[in-house]
């Protein structure tokens, strides 16, 4: 089976690529950037806003296409609405058009819990719109899909989208755990490795064809409890600091708003990477990077 992963050099995308390779899929990584975690031999430079570029990547031998590309940072999307809509809607439609022409087996879209929320600003709106477009492509052109609404993902890899990694890195370098809002917001964190395994399980079963999947962790944590947990790991030597009283665009307890939502199944990793163990891996990786930079 041949799989193209748009955005495969990104944070979650790189984990999905690794999992596909472990299961002996033939993989092509289509992204504007290379990744240190991806073999250069399977990388192709692609801008999803260039339709001809996309056409060169998806040929008749491709079975599955994942799309992790586009604007994935909510805070950045708030400030750049036009860029967000171009990448997340038009870029996604370019991929859909070629998938339709090549009659692939299934299109897998990386959506977000914000797709059905009154929060999420332009990011949430772009994801919601793309979900509707994908559903319409299935109705009009019989292009099968799976939409995955990802929650809060973390790991020990550096990324601007890895909130926990960046939180710990700042704590290690400055001794401060910073947060916005009142700290009462709740998240269900899932390790990127677990999310990647489930993301590949999805294409190996027809059960998930033309359906929406919620993919989050099973460990619910308030943000302030997460900070306390990290501080305890460091022997309570860190300063916890609130930088802004409000956290615009982010939900507090649930991202969902009542608006006749499309039903979605929740997929849970079993077994899964324990949150505490995941935090320790983040700390170890950041400390090793810090030591290497200081001794070069």
C-alpha atoms as a PDB file:
ATOM      1  CA  UNK A   1       0.000   0.000   0.000  1.00  0.00           C
ATOM      2  CA  UNK A   2       1.277   3.470  -0.894  1.00  0.00           C
ATOM      3  CA  UNK A   3       0.510   6.419   1.371  1.00  0.00           C
ATOM      4  CA  UNK A   4       1.152  10.147   0.870  1.00  0.00           C
ATOM      5  CA  UNK A   5       1.356  12.231   4.045  1.00  0.00           C
ATOM      6  CA  UNK A   6       0.969  15.963   3.471  1.00  0.00           C
ATOM      7  CA  UNK A   7       2.524  17.808   6.409  1.00  0.00           C
ATOM      8  CA  UNK A   8       4.519  14.661   7.209  1.00  0.00           C
ATOM      9  CA  UNK A   9       7.475  16.705   8.445  1.00  0.00           C
ATOM     10  CA  UNK A  10       5.356  18.351  11.125  1.00  0.00           C
ATOM     11  CA  UNK A  11       4.892  17.454  14.765  1.00  0.00           C
ATOM     12  CA  UNK A  12       2.169  14.801  14.605  1.00  0.00           C
ATOM     13  CA  UNK A  13       2.701  14.045  10.918  1.00  0.00           C
ATOM     14  CA  UNK A  14       6.254  12.805  11.525  1.00  0.00           C
ATOM     15  CA  UNK A  15       4.988  10.323  14.124  1.00  0.00           C
ATOM     16  CA  UNK A  16       2.342   9.027  11.714  1.00  0.00           C
ATOM     17  CA  UNK A  17       5.002   8.583   9.014  1.00  0.00           C
ATOM     18  CA  UNK A  18       7.153   6.554  11.419  1.00  0.00           C
ATOM     19  CA  UNK A  19       4.190   4.356  12.345  1.00  0.00           C
ATOM     20  CA  UNK A  20       3.293   3.762   8.680  1.00  0.00           C
ATOM     21  CA  UNK A  21       6.890   2.730   7.932  1.00  0.00           C
ATOM     22  CA  UNK A  22       6.889   0.340  10.902  1.00  0.00           C
ATOM     23  CA  UNK A  23       3.880  -1.380   9.321  1.00  0.00           C
ATOM     24  CA  UNK A  24       5.652  -1.636   5.949  1.00  0.00           C
ATOM     25  CA  UNK A  25       3.649   0.939   4.013  1.00  0.00           C
ATOM     26  CA  UNK A  26       5.344   2.725   1.129  1.00  0.00           C
ATOM     27  CA  UNK A  27       5.353   6.360   2.282  1.00  0.00           C
ATOM     28  CA  UNK A  28       5.873   9.712   0.575  1.00  0.00           C
ATOM     29  CA  UNK A  29       6.248  12.770   2.814  1.00  0.00           C
ATOM     30  CA  UNK A  30       4.925  15.908   1.100  1.00  0.00           C
ATOM     31  CA  UNK A  31       5.809  19.121   2.947  1.00  0.00           C
ATOM     32  CA  UNK A  32       7.381  22.538   2.464  1.00  0.00           C
ATOM     33  CA  UNK A  33      10.025  21.664   5.073  1.00  0.00           C
ATOM     34  CA  UNK A  34      12.267  18.684   5.745  1.00  0.00           C
ATOM     35  CA  UNK A  35      12.357  17.044   9.154  1.00  0.00           C
ATOM     36  CA  UNK A  36      15.238  15.551  11.115  1.00  0.00           C
ATOM     37  CA  UNK A  37      12.924  12.654  11.975  1.00  0.00           C
ATOM     38  CA  UNK A  38      12.146  11.761   8.345  1.00  0.00           C
ATOM     39  CA  UNK A  39      14.446  10.015   5.872  1.00  0.00           C
ATOM     40  CA  UNK A  40      15.299  12.424   3.064  1.00  0.00           C
ATOM     41  CA  UNK A  41      14.739   9.640   0.528  1.00  0.00           C
ATOM     42  CA  UNK A  42      10.967   9.710   1.069  1.00  0.00           C
ATOM     43  CA  UNK A  43      10.652  13.512   1.248  1.00  0.00           C
ATOM     44  CA  UNK A  44       9.184  15.668  -1.533  1.00  0.00           C
ATOM     45  CA  UNK A  45       8.953  19.450  -1.311  1.00  0.00           C
ATOM     46  CA  UNK A  46       5.323  20.413  -1.909  1.00  0.00           C
ATOM     47  CA  UNK A  47       3.265  23.563  -1.470  1.00  0.00           C
ATOM     48  CA  UNK A  48      -0.401  22.552  -1.152  1.00  0.00           C
ATOM     49  CA  UNK A  49      -1.481  25.887  -2.648  1.00  0.00           C
ATOM     50  CA  UNK A  50       0.171  24.824  -5.929  1.00  0.00           C
ATOM     51  CA  UNK A  51      -2.284  22.406  -7.562  1.00  0.00           C
ATOM     52  CA  UNK A  52       0.210  21.236 -10.198  1.00  0.00           C
ATOM     53  CA  UNK A  53       2.691  20.495  -7.417  1.00  0.00           C
ATOM     54  CA  UNK A  54       0.098  18.374  -5.634  1.00  0.00           C
ATOM     55  CA  UNK A  55      -0.727  16.518  -8.864  1.00  0.00           C
ATOM     56  CA  UNK A  56       2.892  15.400  -9.201  1.00  0.00           C
ATOM     57  CA  UNK A  57       2.739  13.732  -5.776  1.00  0.00           C
ATOM     58  CA  UNK A  58      -0.570  11.837  -5.899  1.00  0.00           C
ATOM     59  CA  UNK A  59      -0.386   9.339  -8.749  1.00  0.00           C
ATOM     60  CA  UNK A  60      -2.568   6.353  -9.655  1.00  0.00           C
ATOM     61  CA  UNK A  61      -0.541   4.080  -7.370  1.00  0.00           C
ATOM     62  CA  UNK A  62      -1.447   5.992  -4.193  1.00  0.00           C
ATOM     63  CA  UNK A  63      -3.916   4.193  -1.910  1.00  0.00           C
ATOM     64  CA  UNK A  64      -4.294   6.573   1.046  1.00  0.00           C
ATOM     65  CA  UNK A  65      -3.658  10.272   1.596  1.00  0.00           C
ATOM     66  CA  UNK A  66      -3.293  12.003   4.971  1.00  0.00           C
ATOM     67  CA  UNK A  67      -3.470  15.779   5.287  1.00  0.00           C
ATOM     68  CA  UNK A  68      -1.694  17.284   8.300  1.00  0.00           C
ATOM     69  CA  UNK A  69      -0.572  20.335   6.307  1.00  0.00           C
ATOM     70  CA  UNK A  70      -1.704  23.909   6.793  1.00  0.00           C
ATOM     71  CA  UNK A  71      -2.051  26.347   9.664  1.00  0.00           C
ATOM     72  CA  UNK A  72      -2.103  24.289  12.850  1.00  0.00           C
ATOM     73  CA  UNK A  73      -1.421  26.857  15.566  1.00  0.00           C
ATOM     74  CA  UNK A  74      -4.587  28.461  16.958  1.00  0.00           C
ATOM     75  CA  UNK A  75      -2.865  31.543  18.355  1.00  0.00           C
ATOM     76  CA  UNK A  76      -1.126  32.200  15.033  1.00  0.00           C
ATOM     77  CA  UNK A  77      -4.371  31.655  13.109  1.00  0.00           C
ATOM     78  CA  UNK A  78      -6.096  34.356  15.169  1.00  0.00           C
ATOM     79  CA  UNK A  79      -3.673  36.935  13.744  1.00  0.00           C
ATOM     80  CA  UNK A  80      -3.552  35.628  10.150  1.00  0.00           C
ATOM     81  CA  UNK A  81      -7.107  34.769   9.032  1.00  0.00           C
ATOM     82  CA  UNK A  82      -6.492  35.016   5.267  1.00  0.00           C
ATOM     83  CA  UNK A  83      -3.408  32.796   5.396  1.00  0.00           C
ATOM     84  CA  UNK A  84      -5.307  30.353   7.631  1.00  0.00           C
ATOM     85  CA  UNK A  85      -8.223  30.037   5.199  1.00  0.00           C
ATOM     86  CA  UNK A  86      -5.922  29.746   2.172  1.00  0.00           C
ATOM     87  CA  UNK A  87      -3.917  26.891   3.681  1.00  0.00           C
ATOM     88  CA  UNK A  88      -6.627  25.065   5.600  1.00  0.00           C
ATOM     89  CA  UNK A  89      -9.431  25.327   3.054  1.00  0.00           C
ATOM     90  CA  UNK A  90      -8.030  26.012  -0.434  1.00  0.00           C
ATOM     91  CA  UNK A  91      -4.911  23.903   0.174  1.00  0.00           C
ATOM     92  CA  UNK A  92      -7.049  21.053   1.433  1.00  0.00           C
ATOM     93  CA  UNK A  93      -9.355  21.347  -1.603  1.00  0.00           C
ATOM     94  CA  UNK A  94      -6.362  21.091  -3.936  1.00  0.00           C
ATOM     95  CA  UNK A  95      -5.493  17.766  -2.314  1.00  0.00           C
ATOM     96  CA  UNK A  96      -9.122  16.600  -2.492  1.00  0.00           C
ATOM     97  CA  UNK A  97      -9.316  17.439  -6.190  1.00  0.00           C
ATOM     98  CA  UNK A  98      -6.329  15.247  -7.020  1.00  0.00           C
ATOM     99  CA  UNK A  99      -7.502  12.446  -4.700  1.00  0.00           C
ATOM    100  CA  UNK A 100     -10.821  12.480  -6.573  1.00  0.00           C
ATOM    101  CA  UNK A 101      -9.099  12.304  -9.955  1.00  0.00           C
ATOM    102  CA  UNK A 102      -6.854   9.426  -8.904  1.00  0.00           C
ATOM    103  CA  UNK A 103      -9.669   7.541  -7.169  1.00  0.00           C
ATOM    104  CA  UNK A 104      -7.719   6.839  -3.969  1.00  0.00           C
ATOM    105  CA  UNK A 105      -9.110   4.416  -1.381  1.00  0.00           C
ATOM    106  CA  UNK A 106      -9.507   6.972   1.413  1.00  0.00           C
ATOM    107  CA  UNK A 107      -8.606  10.536   2.421  1.00  0.00           C
ATOM    108  CA  UNK A 108      -7.707  11.109   6.082  1.00  0.00           C
ATOM    109  CA  UNK A 109      -8.033  14.660   7.354  1.00  0.00           C
ATOM    110  CA  UNK A 110      -6.418  16.032  10.504  1.00  0.00           C
ATOM    111  CA  UNK A 111      -9.155  18.187  11.980  1.00  0.00           C
ATOM    112  CA  UNK A 112      -9.491  19.532  15.499  1.00  0.00           C
ATOM    113  CA  UNK A 113     -11.738  19.491  18.543  1.00  0.00           C
ATOM    114  CA  UNK A 114     -12.297  23.175  17.674  1.00  0.00           C
ATOM    115  CA  UNK A 115     -14.137  22.251  14.456  1.00  0.00           C
ATOM    116  CA  UNK A 116     -17.455  22.231  16.316  1.00  0.00           C
ATOM    117  CA  UNK A 117     -16.788  24.988  18.817  1.00  0.00           C
ATOM    118  CA  UNK A 118     -17.782  28.595  19.284  1.00  0.00           C
ATOM    119  CA  UNK A 119     -14.144  29.038  20.338  1.00  0.00           C
ATOM    120  CA  UNK A 120     -11.128  28.554  18.100  1.00  0.00           C
ATOM    121  CA  UNK A 121     -11.588  31.742  16.073  1.00  0.00           C
ATOM    122  CA  UNK A 122     -10.440  31.485  12.431  1.00  0.00           C
ATOM    123  CA  UNK A 123      -8.645  28.209  13.096  1.00  0.00           C
ATOM    124  CA  UNK A 124     -11.844  26.483  14.230  1.00  0.00           C
ATOM    125  CA  UNK A 125     -13.826  27.992  11.350  1.00  0.00           C
ATOM    126  CA  UNK A 126     -11.279  26.761   8.798  1.00  0.00           C
ATOM    127  CA  UNK A 127     -11.415  23.220  10.197  1.00  0.00           C
ATOM    128  CA  UNK A 128     -15.206  23.225  10.316  1.00  0.00           C
ATOM    129  CA  UNK A 129     -15.412  24.419   6.711  1.00  0.00           C
ATOM    130  CA  UNK A 130     -12.940  21.808   5.495  1.00  0.00           C
ATOM    131  CA  UNK A 131     -14.894  19.051   7.233  1.00  0.00           C
ATOM    132  CA  UNK A 132     -18.039  20.107   5.360  1.00  0.00           C
ATOM    133  CA  UNK A 133     -16.158  20.275   2.059  1.00  0.00           C
ATOM    134  CA  UNK A 134     -14.781  16.750   2.586  1.00  0.00           C
ATOM    135  CA  UNK A 135     -18.263  15.416   3.348  1.00  0.00           C
ATOM    136  CA  UNK A 136     -19.567  17.024   0.154  1.00  0.00           C
ATOM    137  CA  UNK A 137     -16.769  15.473  -1.934  1.00  0.00           C
ATOM    138  CA  UNK A 138     -17.883  12.077  -0.655  1.00  0.00           C
ATOM    139  CA  UNK A 139     -21.514  12.772  -1.583  1.00  0.00           C
ATOM    140  CA  UNK A 140     -20.761  14.186  -5.032  1.00  0.00           C
ATOM    141  CA  UNK A 141     -17.665  12.213  -6.081  1.00  0.00           C
ATOM    142  CA  UNK A 142     -17.719   9.114  -3.839  1.00  0.00           C
ATOM    143  CA  UNK A 143     -14.344  10.030  -2.287  1.00  0.00           C
ATOM    144  CA  UNK A 144     -14.193   8.080   0.981  1.00  0.00           C
ATOM    145  CA  UNK A 145     -12.732   9.823   4.003  1.00  0.00           C
ATOM    146  CA  UNK A 146     -12.019   9.696   7.714  1.00  0.00           C
ATOM    147  CA  UNK A 147     -11.976  12.954   9.668  1.00  0.00           C
ATOM    148  CA  UNK A 148      -9.926  12.834  12.873  1.00  0.00           C
ATOM    149  CA  UNK A 149     -10.580  15.542  15.456  1.00  0.00           C
ATOM    150  CA  UNK A 150      -7.380  15.657  17.456  1.00  0.00           C
ATOM    151  CA  UNK A 151      -7.207  17.008  20.998  1.00  0.00           C
ATOM    152  CA  UNK A 152      -4.172  18.092  23.036  1.00  0.00           C
ATOM    153  CA  UNK A 153      -1.098  16.247  21.750  1.00  0.00           C
ATOM    154  CA  UNK A 154       2.351  16.321  23.319  1.00  0.00           C
ATOM    155  CA  UNK A 155       5.688  14.473  23.181  1.00  0.00           C
ATOM    156  CA  UNK A 156       9.399  14.948  23.763  1.00  0.00           C
ATOM    157  CA  UNK A 157       9.962  16.438  20.280  1.00  0.00           C
ATOM    158  CA  UNK A 158      10.508  20.144  19.768  1.00  0.00           C
ATOM    159  CA  UNK A 159       7.681  21.919  17.932  1.00  0.00           C
ATOM    160  CA  UNK A 160       5.904  25.261  18.147  1.00  0.00           C
ATOM    161  CA  UNK A 161       2.702  23.207  18.447  1.00  0.00           C
ATOM    162  CA  UNK A 162       3.959  21.092  21.364  1.00  0.00           C
ATOM    163  CA  UNK A 163       2.620  23.080  24.332  1.00  0.00           C
ATOM    164  CA  UNK A 164       3.962  20.796  27.066  1.00  0.00           C
ATOM    165  CA  UNK A 165       7.444  20.569  25.526  1.00  0.00           C
ATOM    166  CA  UNK A 166       7.692  24.352  25.239  1.00  0.00           C
ATOM    167  CA  UNK A 167       6.347  24.779  28.773  1.00  0.00           C
ATOM    168  CA  UNK A 168       9.020  22.458  30.196  1.00  0.00           C
ATOM    169  CA  UNK A 169      11.789  23.973  28.088  1.00  0.00           C
ATOM    170  CA  UNK A 170      11.018  27.436  29.446  1.00  0.00           C
ATOM    171  CA  UNK A 171      10.899  26.011  32.965  1.00  0.00           C
ATOM    172  CA  UNK A 172      14.331  24.437  32.528  1.00  0.00           C
ATOM    173  CA  UNK A 173      15.922  27.563  31.067  1.00  0.00           C
ATOM    174  CA  UNK A 174      14.187  30.294  33.101  1.00  0.00           C
ATOM    175  CA  UNK A 175      12.747  28.499  36.130  1.00  0.00           C
ATOM    176  CA  UNK A 176       9.221  29.695  35.287  1.00  0.00           C
ATOM    177  CA  UNK A 177       6.007  27.861  34.405  1.00  0.00           C
ATOM    178  CA  UNK A 178       3.879  30.392  32.543  1.00  0.00           C
ATOM    179  CA  UNK A 179       0.169  30.165  31.754  1.00  0.00           C
ATOM    180  CA  UNK A 180      -2.691  32.289  30.467  1.00  0.00           C
ATOM    181  CA  UNK A 181      -6.245  32.421  31.761  1.00  0.00           C
ATOM    182  CA  UNK A 182      -7.345  31.194  35.191  1.00  0.00           C
ATOM    183  CA  UNK A 183      -5.803  27.731  34.879  1.00  0.00           C
ATOM    184  CA  UNK A 184      -9.187  26.030  35.255  1.00  0.00           C
ATOM    185  CA  UNK A 185      -9.336  24.897  31.614  1.00  0.00           C
ATOM    186  CA  UNK A 186      -9.363  21.115  31.208  1.00  0.00           C
ATOM    187  CA  UNK A 187      -7.533  19.090  28.559  1.00  0.00           C
ATOM    188  CA  UNK A 188      -7.278  15.381  27.712  1.00  0.00           C
ATOM    189  CA  UNK A 189      -3.622  15.023  26.765  1.00  0.00           C
ATOM    190  CA  UNK A 190      -2.450  12.218  24.467  1.00  0.00           C
ATOM    191  CA  UNK A 191       1.119  11.360  23.527  1.00  0.00           C
ATOM    192  CA  UNK A 192       1.866  11.832  19.815  1.00  0.00           C
ATOM    193  CA  UNK A 193       3.093   8.227  19.593  1.00  0.00           C
ATOM    194  CA  UNK A 194      -0.280   6.943  20.788  1.00  0.00           C
ATOM    195  CA  UNK A 195      -2.141   9.318  18.467  1.00  0.00           C
ATOM    196  CA  UNK A 196      -0.036   8.113  15.527  1.00  0.00           C
ATOM    197  CA  UNK A 197      -0.776   4.426  16.185  1.00  0.00           C
ATOM    198  CA  UNK A 198      -4.501   5.105  16.297  1.00  0.00           C
ATOM    199  CA  UNK A 199      -4.245   7.268  13.171  1.00  0.00           C
ATOM    200  CA  UNK A 200      -2.804   4.323  11.244  1.00  0.00           C
ATOM    201  CA  UNK A 201      -5.235   1.812  12.778  1.00  0.00           C
ATOM    202  CA  UNK A 202      -7.960   3.895  11.147  1.00  0.00           C
ATOM    203  CA  UNK A 203      -6.942   3.059   7.567  1.00  0.00           C
ATOM    204  CA  UNK A 204      -6.698  -0.648   8.397  1.00  0.00           C
ATOM    205  CA  UNK A 205     -10.410  -0.955   9.137  1.00  0.00           C
ATOM    206  CA  UNK A 206     -13.488  -0.078   7.083  1.00  0.00           C
ATOM    207  CA  UNK A 207     -15.221   0.682  10.384  1.00  0.00           C
ATOM    208  CA  UNK A 208     -13.865   4.232  10.199  1.00  0.00           C
ATOM    209  CA  UNK A 209     -14.740   4.888   6.558  1.00  0.00           C
ATOM    210  CA  UNK A 210     -16.788   8.075   6.042  1.00  0.00           C
ATOM    211  CA  UNK A 211     -16.854   8.792   9.754  1.00  0.00           C
ATOM    212  CA  UNK A 212     -15.588  11.330  12.278  1.00  0.00           C
ATOM    213  CA  UNK A 213     -13.200  10.233  15.015  1.00  0.00           C
ATOM    214  CA  UNK A 214     -12.382  12.064  18.247  1.00  0.00           C
ATOM    215  CA  UNK A 215      -8.800  11.274  19.189  1.00  0.00           C
ATOM    216  CA  UNK A 216      -7.764  12.511  22.619  1.00  0.00           C
ATOM    217  CA  UNK A 217      -6.255  11.047  25.753  1.00  0.00           C
ATOM    218  CA  UNK A 218      -8.011   9.582  28.767  1.00  0.00           C
ATOM    219  CA  UNK A 219      -6.153  11.667  31.339  1.00  0.00           C
ATOM    220  CA  UNK A 220      -8.131  14.835  32.101  1.00  0.00           C
ATOM    221  CA  UNK A 221      -6.071  17.608  33.647  1.00  0.00           C
ATOM    222  CA  UNK A 222      -6.747  21.208  34.562  1.00  0.00           C
ATOM    223  CA  UNK A 223      -3.984  23.440  33.309  1.00  0.00           C
ATOM    224  CA  UNK A 224      -3.130  24.527  36.860  1.00  0.00           C
ATOM    225  CA  UNK A 225      -2.899  20.855  37.939  1.00  0.00           C
ATOM    226  CA  UNK A 226      -0.543  20.153  35.044  1.00  0.00           C
ATOM    227  CA  UNK A 227       1.683  23.006  36.248  1.00  0.00           C
ATOM    228  CA  UNK A 228       1.647  21.663  39.803  1.00  0.00           C
ATOM    229  CA  UNK A 229       2.487  18.176  38.495  1.00  0.00           C
ATOM    230  CA  UNK A 230       5.499  19.465  36.540  1.00  0.00           C
ATOM    231  CA  UNK A 231       6.607  21.589  39.492  1.00  0.00           C
ATOM    232  CA  UNK A 232       6.487  18.558  41.799  1.00  0.00           C
ATOM    233  CA  UNK A 233       8.659  16.597  39.344  1.00  0.00           C
ATOM    234  CA  UNK A 234      11.189  19.441  39.674  1.00  0.00           C
ATOM    235  CA  UNK A 235      10.979  19.378  43.480  1.00  0.00           C
ATOM    236  CA  UNK A 236       8.715  22.471  43.652  1.00  0.00           C
ATOM    237  CA  UNK A 237      11.617  24.720  42.660  1.00  0.00           C
ATOM    238  CA  UNK A 238       9.806  26.505  39.819  1.00  0.00           C
ATOM    239  CA  UNK A 239       7.806  29.721  39.870  1.00  0.00           C
ATOM    240  CA  UNK A 240       4.269  29.450  38.473  1.00  0.00           C
ATOM    241  CA  UNK A 241       3.352  32.723  36.769  1.00  0.00           C
ATOM    242  CA  UNK A 242       0.149  33.960  35.154  1.00  0.00           C
ATOM    243  CA  UNK A 243       0.954  36.182  32.160  1.00  0.00           C
ATOM    244  CA  UNK A 244      -2.571  37.041  30.967  1.00  0.00           C
ATOM    245  CA  UNK A 245      -5.920  36.851  32.794  1.00  0.00           C
ATOM    246  CA  UNK A 246      -7.756  35.793  29.610  1.00  0.00           C
ATOM    247  CA  UNK A 247      -6.860  33.147  27.026  1.00  0.00           C
ATOM    248  CA  UNK A 248      -8.733  34.291  23.916  1.00  0.00           C
ATOM    249  CA  UNK A 249      -9.979  31.663  21.488  1.00  0.00           C
ATOM    250  CA  UNK A 250      -9.406  28.660  23.749  1.00  0.00           C
ATOM    251  CA  UNK A 251     -12.169  26.598  25.348  1.00  0.00           C
ATOM    252  CA  UNK A 252     -12.343  25.946  29.108  1.00  0.00           C
ATOM    253  CA  UNK A 253     -13.921  22.505  29.619  1.00  0.00           C
ATOM    254  CA  UNK A 254     -15.325  21.372  26.269  1.00  0.00           C
ATOM    255  CA  UNK A 255     -14.726  22.618  22.720  1.00  0.00           C
ATOM    256  CA  UNK A 256     -18.192  21.556  21.581  1.00  0.00           C
ATOM    257  CA  UNK A 257     -21.025  24.002  21.033  1.00  0.00           C
ATOM    258  CA  UNK A 258     -24.556  22.903  20.211  1.00  0.00           C
ATOM    259  CA  UNK A 259     -25.045  23.371  16.486  1.00  0.00           C
ATOM    260  CA  UNK A 260     -26.365  20.029  15.222  1.00  0.00           C
ATOM    261  CA  UNK A 261     -22.904  18.442  15.284  1.00  0.00           C
ATOM    262  CA  UNK A 262     -21.914  15.504  13.090  1.00  0.00           C
ATOM    263  CA  UNK A 263     -21.664  12.479  15.433  1.00  0.00           C
ATOM    264  CA  UNK A 264     -18.136  11.278  16.134  1.00  0.00           C
ATOM    265  CA  UNK A 265     -16.711   8.170  17.792  1.00  0.00           C
ATOM    266  CA  UNK A 266     -14.009   8.593  20.417  1.00  0.00           C
ATOM    267  CA  UNK A 267     -10.932   6.419  19.914  1.00  0.00           C
ATOM    268  CA  UNK A 268      -8.742   5.632  22.945  1.00  0.00           C
ATOM    269  CA  UNK A 269      -5.214   4.198  23.008  1.00  0.00           C
ATOM    270  CA  UNK A 270      -4.873   0.928  24.899  1.00  0.00           C
ATOM    271  CA  UNK A 271      -2.204   0.605  26.141  1.00  0.00           C
ATOM    272  CA  UNK A 272      -1.170   4.255  26.278  1.00  0.00           C
ATOM    273  CA  UNK A 273       1.847   6.291  27.403  1.00  0.00           C
ATOM    274  CA  UNK A 274       1.339   7.456  30.991  1.00  0.00           C
ATOM    275  CA  UNK A 275       1.256  11.251  31.388  1.00  0.00           C
ATOM    276  CA  UNK A 276       3.929  11.280  34.084  1.00  0.00           C
ATOM    277  CA  UNK A 277       6.231   9.102  31.996  1.00  0.00           C
ATOM    278  CA  UNK A 278       5.605  11.336  29.002  1.00  0.00           C
ATOM    279  CA  UNK A 279       6.589  14.418  31.010  1.00  0.00           C
ATOM    280  CA  UNK A 280       9.803  12.730  32.188  1.00  0.00           C
ATOM    281  CA  UNK A 281      10.709  11.925  28.577  1.00  0.00           C
ATOM    282  CA  UNK A 282      10.169  15.589  27.648  1.00  0.00           C
ATOM    283  CA  UNK A 283      12.398  16.739  30.515  1.00  0.00           C
ATOM    284  CA  UNK A 284      15.137  14.222  29.673  1.00  0.00           C
ATOM    285  CA  UNK A 285      15.172  15.206  25.999  1.00  0.00           C
ATOM    286  CA  UNK A 286      15.294  18.956  26.717  1.00  0.00           C
ATOM    287  CA  UNK A 287      18.044  18.531  29.329  1.00  0.00           C
ATOM    288  CA  UNK A 288      20.107  16.470  26.850  1.00  0.00           C
ATOM    289  CA  UNK A 289      19.672  19.148  24.184  1.00  0.00           C
ATOM    290  CA  UNK A 290      20.644  21.856  26.659  1.00  0.00           C
ATOM    291  CA  UNK A 291      23.766  19.922  27.743  1.00  0.00           C
ATOM    292  CA  UNK A 292      24.759  19.334  24.113  1.00  0.00           C
ATOM    293  CA  UNK A 293      24.432  23.034  23.233  1.00  0.00           C
ATOM    294  CA  UNK A 294      26.458  24.083  26.297  1.00  0.00           C
ATOM    295  CA  UNK A 295      29.258  21.646  25.467  1.00  0.00           C
ATOM    296  CA  UNK A 296      29.586  22.196  21.731  1.00  0.00           C
END
